[in-house]
Amino acid sequence: MSKGMEELIDMEKREIALKMLEDGKLLKEDVARYFGFTMEQVEELAESQAVRA
């Protein structure tokens, strides 16, 4: 897969994960597990958007 395609997929995953955090229906741990992110990545994503999940 090309680097550009990988970056696009990563951006899409982050946007979807952010929407899930904004909805507040899933724990940050669940979002990390479903998307293959580390907890640190999920925390950074949440903090960057001031999301409280």
C-alpha atoms as a PDB file:
ATOM      1  CA  MET A   1       0.000   0.000   0.000  1.00  0.00           C
ATOM      2  CA  SER A   2       1.310   3.451  -0.834  1.00  0.00           C
ATOM      3  CA  LYS A   3       2.354   5.880   1.887  1.00  0.00           C
ATOM      4  CA  GLY A   4      -0.340   8.326   0.786  1.00  0.00           C
ATOM      5  CA  MET A   5      -3.027   5.663   1.107  1.00  0.00           C
ATOM      6  CA  GLU A   6      -1.754   4.670   4.561  1.00  0.00           C
ATOM      7  CA  GLU A   7      -1.877   8.308   5.693  1.00  0.00           C
ATOM      8  CA  LEU A   8      -5.422   8.655   4.385  1.00  0.00           C
ATOM      9  CA  ILE A   9      -6.531   5.543   6.251  1.00  0.00           C
ATOM     10  CA  ASP A  10      -4.852   6.769   9.446  1.00  0.00           C
ATOM     11  CA  MET A  11      -6.596  10.151   9.168  1.00  0.00           C
ATOM     12  CA  GLU A  12      -9.938   8.410   8.623  1.00  0.00           C
ATOM     13  CA  LYS A  13      -9.388   6.146  11.654  1.00  0.00           C
ATOM     14  CA  ARG A  14      -8.540   9.161  13.823  1.00  0.00           C
ATOM     15  CA  GLU A  15     -11.660  11.044  12.685  1.00  0.00           C
ATOM     16  CA  ILE A  16     -13.916   8.078  13.425  1.00  0.00           C
ATOM     17  CA  ALA A  17     -12.243   7.481  16.797  1.00  0.00           C
ATOM     18  CA  LEU A  18     -12.740  11.144  17.663  1.00  0.00           C
ATOM     19  CA  LYS A  19     -16.448  10.918  16.832  1.00  0.00           C
ATOM     20  CA  MET A  20     -16.728   7.878  19.101  1.00  0.00           C
ATOM     21  CA  LEU A  21     -15.018   9.759  21.927  1.00  0.00           C
ATOM     22  CA  GLU A  22     -17.271  12.781  21.402  1.00  0.00           C
ATOM     23  CA  ASP A  23     -20.347  10.555  21.662  1.00  0.00           C
ATOM     24  CA  GLY A  24     -19.068   9.338  25.013  1.00  0.00           C
ATOM     25  CA  LYS A  25     -20.584   5.880  24.594  1.00  0.00           C
ATOM     26  CA  LEU A  26     -17.271   4.030  24.606  1.00  0.00           C
ATOM     27  CA  LEU A  27     -14.381   4.091  27.010  1.00  0.00           C
ATOM     28  CA  LYS A  28     -11.055   5.360  25.761  1.00  0.00           C
ATOM     29  CA  GLU A  29      -9.711   1.838  26.309  1.00  0.00           C
ATOM     30  CA  ASP A  30     -12.324   0.443  23.913  1.00  0.00           C
ATOM     31  CA  VAL A  31     -11.519   3.028  21.240  1.00  0.00           C
ATOM     32  CA  ALA A  32      -7.827   2.159  21.564  1.00  0.00           C
ATOM     33  CA  ARG A  33      -8.555  -1.556  21.219  1.00  0.00           C
ATOM     34  CA  TYR A  34     -10.930  -1.224  18.261  1.00  0.00           C
ATOM     35  CA  PHE A  35      -8.598   1.013  16.267  1.00  0.00           C
ATOM     36  CA  GLY A  36      -5.282  -0.477  17.320  1.00  0.00           C
ATOM     37  CA  PHE A  37      -4.176   2.747  18.976  1.00  0.00           C
ATOM     38  CA  THR A  38      -2.181   2.992  22.169  1.00  0.00           C
ATOM     39  CA  MET A  39      -3.834   4.635  25.158  1.00  0.00           C
ATOM     40  CA  GLU A  40      -1.361   7.472  24.743  1.00  0.00           C
ATOM     41  CA  GLN A  41      -2.567   8.050  21.175  1.00  0.00           C
ATOM     42  CA  VAL A  42      -6.200   8.077  22.294  1.00  0.00           C
ATOM     43  CA  GLU A  43      -5.395  10.484  25.135  1.00  0.00           C
ATOM     44  CA  GLU A  44      -3.583  12.796  22.724  1.00  0.00           C
ATOM     45  CA  LEU A  45      -6.484  12.664  20.298  1.00  0.00           C
ATOM     46  CA  ALA A  46      -8.976  13.440  23.044  1.00  0.00           C
ATOM     47  CA  GLU A  47      -6.865  16.254  24.465  1.00  0.00           C
ATOM     48  CA  SER A  48      -6.282  17.787  21.060  1.00  0.00           C
ATOM     49  CA  GLN A  49     -10.021  18.159  20.663  1.00  0.00           C
ATOM     50  CA  ALA A  50     -10.820  18.786  24.359  1.00  0.00           C
ATOM     51  CA  VAL A  51     -12.985  15.648  24.493  1.00  0.00           C
ATOM     52  CA  ARG A  52     -13.982  14.265  27.849  1.00  0.00           C
ATOM     53  CA  ALA A  53     -14.791  10.553  27.490  1.00  0.00           C
END
